[in-house]
């Protein structure tokens, strides 16, 4: 009997169900003596032994369904070694649940923080396999994470729709795009949506450069400007602050988010109307796009192969278009940032997109 525990942790995204389906279908294609324990609400379910037995039928018809049939929650890695409010040792509780159910392995779908905890459990002696889930596409060791392309599609659609109203009213429109502390979603959606300016965390911006570009466009008869702003975008001035100083400044909350700060400063400098659109969590919702369905199915099938072979301690990844495995020890705690000198950034600049840095 092959006993598999499965959980989805952290923020949800469109292709979690599609990926779990790929894993289960891949396993049942070769074995039918399988028990699947689905832990509810992420690591919380593993900590408190909250699970439900699942069969292959539970994973049918969910390829196009967004969210996660197991539910999810955020359990910060930095607090995993801290007892809960009742004094429970969370790490020992997770290990206890794993051994109590006599699991052969634990399959974890999640992002950066999720992978830190997964690697910790590996170090504690559990058999763990992970899959790269995040709309941010910031997981080290894989070229692509599932959920990313679906988020890009939604953010791009938002920018597309802004074009008409921006043109009609001759306004500056700022679209704030998710991505945590990296700029992958904003970069791709900005290029795809025809944004005039893209601001990402990896390339600190100068507000004066932005203002001058908007004025220049106005003089050239271009009646509007669209700016795609990553939620983690930062000015050159703030980038020079220490982590402590930056944290103190952000704690004062002079503006709800970076988009509002940029908008206020640009309106003052350009005398143009500036409007803000924040698609927010819609970028994580809805049905997965075809690209993500294919990616999830491939990663799920590859993870199934690892499970059947007993190859534990790895993350299923995609590199140069091919599925592969990456040691969890190499993935945990590392972020994949946009390289300011990468070809995609240079090509965006080549077609006239500004990143506000020069």
Protein backbone atom coordinates (compact mmCIF):
# COMPACT_ATOMS: atom_id res chain seq x y z
CA UNK A 1 0.00 0.00 0.00
CA UNK A 2 1.28 3.45 -0.99
CA UNK A 3 0.16 6.15 1.46
CA UNK A 4 0.47 9.75 0.30
CA UNK A 5 -0.23 12.93 2.23
CA UNK A 6 -1.01 16.05 0.21
CA UNK A 7 -1.47 19.71 1.08
CA UNK A 8 -1.61 23.14 -0.53
CA UNK A 9 -0.09 26.00 1.44
CA UNK A 10 0.18 29.79 1.22
CA UNK A 11 -1.79 31.94 -1.20
CA UNK A 12 -4.05 30.12 -3.60
CA UNK A 13 -3.75 30.28 -7.38
CA UNK A 14 -5.58 29.04 -10.43
CA UNK A 15 -3.78 25.75 -11.10
CA UNK A 16 -3.48 24.03 -7.72
CA UNK A 17 -6.29 21.62 -8.52
CA UNK A 18 -4.91 20.92 -11.97
CA UNK A 19 -1.55 20.03 -10.46
CA UNK A 20 -3.00 17.70 -7.82
CA UNK A 21 -5.01 16.04 -10.56
CA UNK A 22 -1.83 15.45 -12.55
CA UNK A 23 -0.11 13.85 -9.55
CA UNK A 24 -3.00 11.53 -8.72
CA UNK A 25 -3.71 10.49 -12.31
CA UNK A 26 -0.01 9.82 -12.80
CA UNK A 27 0.14 7.56 -9.76
CA UNK A 28 -3.09 5.66 -10.40
CA UNK A 29 -1.99 5.00 -13.97
CA UNK A 30 0.54 2.54 -12.51
CA UNK A 31 -0.84 1.54 -9.11
CA UNK A 32 -4.25 1.15 -7.56
CA UNK A 33 -3.13 0.24 -4.03
CA UNK A 34 -2.93 3.89 -3.03
CA UNK A 35 -4.35 5.87 -0.12
CA UNK A 36 -4.43 9.66 -0.34
CA UNK A 37 -4.71 11.82 2.78
CA UNK A 38 -5.65 15.38 1.93
CA UNK A 39 -4.67 17.80 4.69
CA UNK A 40 -7.04 20.70 4.94
CA UNK A 41 -5.94 24.34 5.11
CA UNK A 42 -2.29 23.66 4.38
CA UNK A 43 0.21 22.94 7.13
CA UNK A 44 -2.51 23.68 9.66
CA UNK A 45 -4.16 20.41 8.67
CA UNK A 46 -0.90 18.53 9.13
CA UNK A 47 -0.28 20.17 12.52
CA UNK A 48 -3.73 19.39 13.90
CA UNK A 49 -4.29 16.14 12.00
CA UNK A 50 -7.22 17.58 10.08
CA UNK A 51 -7.50 15.53 6.91
CA UNK A 52 -9.87 13.65 4.67
CA UNK A 53 -9.39 10.46 2.75
CA UNK A 54 -9.54 11.01 -0.99
CA UNK A 55 -9.91 8.73 -3.98
CA UNK A 56 -9.01 9.20 -7.63
CA UNK A 57 -12.63 10.26 -8.24
CA UNK A 58 -12.10 13.36 -6.08
CA UNK A 59 -9.59 14.59 -8.63
CA UNK A 60 -11.78 14.16 -11.67
CA UNK A 61 -13.32 17.25 -13.27
CA UNK A 62 -11.04 19.74 -11.50
CA UNK A 63 -8.58 20.55 -14.30
CA UNK A 64 -10.31 23.87 -14.97
CA UNK A 65 -11.34 24.67 -11.40
CA UNK A 66 -9.45 27.48 -9.65
CA UNK A 67 -8.55 27.59 -5.98
CA UNK A 68 -7.86 24.36 -4.10
CA UNK A 69 -10.19 21.54 -3.08
CA UNK A 70 -8.09 21.10 0.08
CA UNK A 71 -8.22 24.71 1.21
CA UNK A 72 -5.11 26.62 2.21
CA UNK A 73 -3.69 28.95 4.85
CA UNK A 74 -0.55 30.91 5.58
CA UNK A 75 1.66 29.45 8.26
CA UNK A 76 4.75 31.69 8.38
CA UNK A 77 7.99 29.71 8.37
CA UNK A 78 9.57 31.97 10.99
CA UNK A 79 6.85 30.94 13.44
CA UNK A 80 6.96 27.21 12.75
CA UNK A 81 9.40 26.60 15.60
CA UNK A 82 7.24 28.62 17.99
CA UNK A 83 4.59 26.75 20.05
CA UNK A 84 0.96 27.57 19.29
CA UNK A 85 -1.31 29.35 21.78
CA UNK A 86 -1.77 26.07 23.67
CA UNK A 87 1.92 25.29 23.83
CA UNK A 88 1.84 22.72 21.03
CA UNK A 89 5.16 22.09 19.28
CA UNK A 90 4.06 22.48 15.65
CA UNK A 91 7.02 20.70 14.09
CA UNK A 92 6.67 17.69 16.36
CA UNK A 93 2.91 17.70 15.73
CA UNK A 94 3.45 17.54 11.96
CA UNK A 95 5.92 14.69 12.35
CA UNK A 96 3.49 12.88 14.64
CA UNK A 97 0.65 13.15 12.13
CA UNK A 98 2.92 11.90 9.34
CA UNK A 99 4.04 8.83 11.31
CA UNK A 100 0.61 8.16 12.82
CA UNK A 101 -0.83 7.78 9.32
CA UNK A 102 2.21 5.74 8.27
CA UNK A 103 2.71 7.93 5.22
CA UNK A 104 5.25 7.02 2.58
CA UNK A 105 5.62 10.65 1.54
CA UNK A 106 4.19 14.13 1.87
CA UNK A 107 3.41 16.11 -1.29
CA UNK A 108 3.45 19.88 -0.80
CA UNK A 109 2.27 22.49 -3.29
CA UNK A 110 3.34 26.02 -2.46
CA UNK A 111 5.62 28.99 -2.82
CA UNK A 112 8.73 30.29 -1.10
CA UNK A 113 7.65 30.11 2.54
CA UNK A 114 5.98 26.76 1.94
CA UNK A 115 9.23 25.37 0.55
CA UNK A 116 11.17 26.53 3.61
CA UNK A 117 8.88 24.51 5.84
CA UNK A 118 8.93 21.55 3.43
CA UNK A 119 12.73 21.53 3.53
CA UNK A 120 12.65 21.71 7.32
CA UNK A 121 10.42 18.63 7.40
CA UNK A 122 12.86 16.91 5.04
CA UNK A 123 15.66 17.72 7.46
CA UNK A 124 13.50 16.25 10.22
CA UNK A 125 13.46 12.94 8.36
CA UNK A 126 10.19 13.03 6.41
CA UNK A 127 9.90 11.99 2.77
CA UNK A 128 8.85 15.17 0.97
CA UNK A 129 8.20 16.12 -2.65
CA UNK A 130 7.16 19.66 -3.61
CA UNK A 131 5.69 21.46 -6.60
CA UNK A 132 6.25 25.15 -7.47
CA UNK A 133 3.09 27.16 -6.94
CA UNK A 134 3.03 30.95 -7.01
CA UNK A 135 1.70 33.66 -9.28
CA UNK A 136 4.89 35.59 -8.46
CA UNK A 137 7.17 33.18 -10.40
CA UNK A 138 9.85 33.87 -7.79
CA UNK A 139 10.79 30.33 -6.80
CA UNK A 140 14.44 29.57 -7.40
CA UNK A 141 15.24 26.43 -9.40
CA UNK A 142 12.39 26.49 -11.91
CA UNK A 143 11.92 28.62 -15.01
CA UNK A 144 8.19 28.80 -14.41
CA UNK A 145 5.72 28.32 -11.57
CA UNK A 146 2.12 27.32 -12.15
CA UNK A 147 -0.29 30.17 -11.55
CA UNK A 148 2.05 32.77 -13.02
CA UNK A 149 0.76 32.80 -16.59
CA UNK A 150 -2.87 32.87 -15.43
CA UNK A 151 -2.09 35.92 -13.28
CA UNK A 152 -0.29 37.58 -16.20
CA UNK A 153 -3.33 36.99 -18.40
CA UNK A 154 -5.64 38.68 -15.87
CA UNK A 155 -3.30 41.61 -15.26
CA UNK A 156 -2.87 42.04 -19.02
CA UNK A 157 -6.62 42.03 -19.52
CA UNK A 158 -6.90 44.81 -16.93
CA UNK A 159 -4.32 46.92 -18.75
CA UNK A 160 -6.08 46.23 -22.07
CA UNK A 161 -9.35 47.54 -20.67
CA UNK A 162 -7.67 50.62 -19.19
CA UNK A 163 -6.45 51.70 -22.63
CA UNK A 164 -9.85 52.87 -23.84
CA UNK A 165 -10.79 54.92 -20.80
CA UNK A 166 -7.26 56.35 -20.56
CA UNK A 167 -7.51 57.48 -24.17
CA UNK A 168 -10.99 58.91 -23.75
CA UNK A 169 -10.06 61.06 -20.77
CA UNK A 170 -6.41 61.86 -21.56
CA UNK A 171 -5.34 60.56 -18.18
CA UNK A 172 -2.39 58.83 -16.60
CA UNK A 173 -3.49 55.41 -15.41
CA UNK A 174 -1.54 53.33 -12.91
CA UNK A 175 -2.30 49.61 -12.69
CA UNK A 176 -0.89 48.04 -9.55
CA UNK A 177 0.07 44.43 -10.14
CA UNK A 178 0.80 41.65 -7.65
CA UNK A 179 4.15 39.94 -7.35
CA UNK A 180 5.31 40.36 -3.74
CA UNK A 181 8.95 41.47 -3.82
CA UNK A 182 9.70 40.60 -7.46
CA UNK A 183 8.52 42.08 -10.76
CA UNK A 184 7.79 39.10 -13.01
CA UNK A 185 4.01 39.58 -13.31
CA UNK A 186 4.25 43.35 -13.84
CA UNK A 187 7.04 42.91 -16.39
CA UNK A 188 5.19 40.39 -18.53
CA UNK A 189 1.75 41.98 -18.18
CA UNK A 190 3.20 45.42 -18.83
CA UNK A 191 4.84 44.32 -22.06
CA UNK A 192 1.80 42.30 -23.17
CA UNK A 193 -0.60 45.15 -22.33
CA UNK A 194 1.42 47.86 -24.04
CA UNK A 195 2.23 49.82 -20.89
CA UNK A 196 4.37 52.89 -21.44
CA UNK A 197 6.14 52.56 -18.10
CA UNK A 198 6.83 49.47 -16.01
CA UNK A 199 8.04 49.78 -12.42
CA UNK A 200 9.48 46.69 -10.75
CA UNK A 201 11.36 46.16 -7.46
CA UNK A 202 14.55 45.09 -9.20
CA UNK A 203 14.92 48.46 -10.97
CA UNK A 204 14.38 51.37 -8.52
CA UNK A 205 12.67 54.33 -10.18
CA UNK A 206 13.22 58.08 -10.13
CA UNK A 207 9.93 59.99 -9.84
CA UNK A 208 11.44 62.91 -11.79
CA UNK A 209 12.25 60.59 -14.70
CA UNK A 210 8.63 59.40 -14.73
CA UNK A 211 7.29 62.94 -14.65
CA UNK A 212 9.52 64.04 -17.52
CA UNK A 213 8.49 61.09 -19.66
CA UNK A 214 4.79 61.88 -19.13
CA UNK A 215 5.38 65.53 -20.05
CA UNK A 216 7.32 64.47 -23.13
CA UNK A 217 4.52 62.18 -24.24
CA UNK A 218 1.99 65.00 -23.81
CA UNK A 219 4.09 67.34 -25.97
CA UNK A 220 4.23 64.65 -28.65
CA UNK A 221 0.43 64.54 -28.70
CA UNK A 222 0.12 61.26 -26.81
CA UNK A 223 -2.98 61.83 -24.76
CA UNK A 224 -2.48 59.20 -22.11
CA UNK A 225 0.16 57.19 -20.25
CA UNK A 226 -0.28 53.75 -18.75
CA UNK A 227 2.01 52.65 -15.94
CA UNK A 228 2.23 49.04 -14.74
CA UNK A 229 3.48 49.13 -11.15
CA UNK A 230 4.57 46.02 -9.28
CA UNK A 231 3.33 46.07 -5.69
CA UNK A 232 6.94 45.87 -4.49
CA UNK A 233 8.26 48.67 -6.69
CA UNK A 234 10.60 51.06 -4.90
CA UNK A 235 12.07 54.49 -5.62
CA UNK A 236 15.80 55.12 -5.88
CA UNK A 237 15.53 57.28 -2.78
CA UNK A 238 13.94 54.53 -0.71
CA UNK A 239 16.26 51.89 -2.12
CA UNK A 240 19.14 53.69 -0.40
CA UNK A 241 17.50 53.31 3.03
CA UNK A 242 18.50 50.54 5.39
CA UNK A 243 16.00 47.72 5.96
CA UNK A 244 15.19 49.22 9.36
CA UNK A 245 14.66 52.72 7.97
CA UNK A 246 12.51 51.44 5.12
CA UNK A 247 10.40 49.36 7.49
CA UNK A 248 9.86 52.39 9.74
CA UNK A 249 8.82 54.52 6.78
CA UNK A 250 6.38 51.90 5.49
CA UNK A 251 4.91 51.50 8.97
CA UNK A 252 3.77 55.13 8.88
CA UNK A 253 1.52 54.26 5.91
CA UNK A 254 1.53 57.67 4.30
CA UNK A 255 -0.01 55.95 1.26
CA UNK A 256 -2.11 52.76 0.99
CA UNK A 257 0.40 51.28 -1.48
CA UNK A 258 3.14 52.22 -3.92
CA UNK A 259 0.62 52.99 -6.68
CA UNK A 260 -0.96 55.73 -4.57
CA UNK A 261 2.43 57.21 -3.72
CA UNK A 262 3.47 57.31 -7.37
CA UNK A 263 0.09 58.77 -8.36
CA UNK A 264 0.22 61.58 -5.79
CA UNK A 265 3.73 62.60 -6.74
CA UNK A 266 3.09 62.46 -10.48
CA UNK A 267 -0.10 64.46 -10.30
CA UNK A 268 1.77 67.19 -8.42
CA UNK A 269 4.60 67.24 -10.96
CA UNK A 270 2.66 66.88 -14.22
CA UNK A 271 -0.69 68.56 -13.47
CA UNK A 272 -2.35 65.64 -15.26
CA UNK A 273 -5.18 63.58 -13.86
CA UNK A 274 -3.88 60.31 -12.47
CA UNK A 275 -6.13 57.34 -11.74
CA UNK A 276 -5.32 54.03 -10.06
CA UNK A 277 -6.62 50.56 -10.78
CA UNK A 278 -5.82 47.66 -8.46
CA UNK A 279 -6.99 44.28 -9.81
CA UNK A 280 -5.81 42.72 -6.54
CA UNK A 281 -6.81 39.16 -5.77
CA UNK A 282 -8.60 38.73 -9.09
CA UNK A 283 -5.09 37.91 -10.34
CA UNK A 284 -5.17 34.74 -8.25
CA UNK A 285 -8.74 33.80 -9.08
CA UNK A 286 -10.75 32.13 -11.77
CA UNK A 287 -9.94 29.24 -14.05
CA UNK A 288 -6.33 28.42 -14.98
CA UNK A 289 -5.25 29.44 -18.46
CA UNK A 290 -4.35 26.69 -20.99
CA UNK A 291 -0.61 27.24 -20.46
CA UNK A 292 -0.96 26.60 -16.72
CA UNK A 293 -3.12 23.53 -17.30
CA UNK A 294 -0.40 22.03 -19.47
CA UNK A 295 2.39 23.03 -17.08
CA UNK A 296 0.52 21.69 -14.06
CA UNK A 297 -0.26 18.40 -15.75
CA UNK A 298 3.39 17.95 -16.73
CA UNK A 299 4.73 18.85 -13.28
CA UNK A 300 2.11 16.62 -11.64
CA UNK A 301 3.02 13.68 -13.86
CA UNK A 302 6.71 14.20 -13.14
CA UNK A 303 6.05 14.34 -9.39
CA UNK A 304 4.04 11.12 -9.69
CA UNK A 305 7.04 9.45 -11.32
CA UNK A 306 9.29 10.61 -8.45
CA UNK A 307 6.84 9.24 -5.88
CA UNK A 308 6.61 5.87 -7.64
CA UNK A 309 10.41 5.66 -7.76
CA UNK A 310 10.81 6.79 -4.15
CA UNK A 311 12.85 9.85 -5.14
CA UNK A 312 12.21 12.16 -2.21
CA UNK A 313 13.64 15.49 -1.14
CA UNK A 314 13.09 17.23 -4.47
CA UNK A 315 10.94 19.89 -6.10
CA UNK A 316 9.45 19.11 -9.50
CA UNK A 317 10.59 21.91 -11.82
CA UNK A 318 10.67 23.04 -15.43
CA UNK A 319 13.96 24.08 -17.02
CA UNK A 320 14.50 24.92 -20.68
CA UNK A 321 11.06 23.52 -21.44
CA UNK A 322 11.73 20.15 -19.81
CA UNK A 323 10.54 18.72 -16.49
CA UNK A 324 13.28 17.97 -13.98
CA UNK A 325 13.92 17.76 -10.26
CA UNK A 326 15.81 20.17 -8.00
CA UNK A 327 16.98 19.34 -4.46
CA UNK A 328 14.79 20.99 -1.84
CA UNK A 329 17.90 22.06 0.01
CA UNK A 330 18.83 24.25 -2.96
CA UNK A 331 15.36 25.77 -3.38
CA UNK A 332 14.37 26.73 0.16
CA UNK A 333 14.98 30.35 1.08
CA UNK A 334 16.05 31.52 -2.38
CA UNK A 335 14.12 33.97 -4.54
CA UNK A 336 14.33 34.29 -8.31
CA UNK A 337 14.50 37.97 -9.22
CA UNK A 338 14.20 39.73 -12.56
CA UNK A 339 17.70 40.49 -13.82
CA UNK A 340 17.84 44.22 -14.75
CA UNK A 341 20.36 43.28 -17.46
CA UNK A 342 18.29 40.43 -18.88
CA UNK A 343 17.34 40.33 -22.54
CA UNK A 344 13.63 40.76 -21.81
CA UNK A 345 14.27 44.05 -19.96
CA UNK A 346 16.62 45.31 -22.67
CA UNK A 347 14.11 44.36 -25.37
CA UNK A 348 11.34 46.17 -23.51
CA UNK A 349 13.50 49.27 -23.36
CA UNK A 350 14.32 48.86 -27.05
CA UNK A 351 10.66 49.34 -27.97
CA UNK A 352 10.37 52.46 -25.81
CA UNK A 353 9.13 51.13 -22.48
CA UNK A 354 10.56 53.08 -19.57
CA UNK A 355 11.47 51.52 -16.23
CA UNK A 356 11.79 54.93 -14.61
CA UNK A 357 15.49 54.57 -13.97
CA UNK A 358 16.95 56.67 -16.79
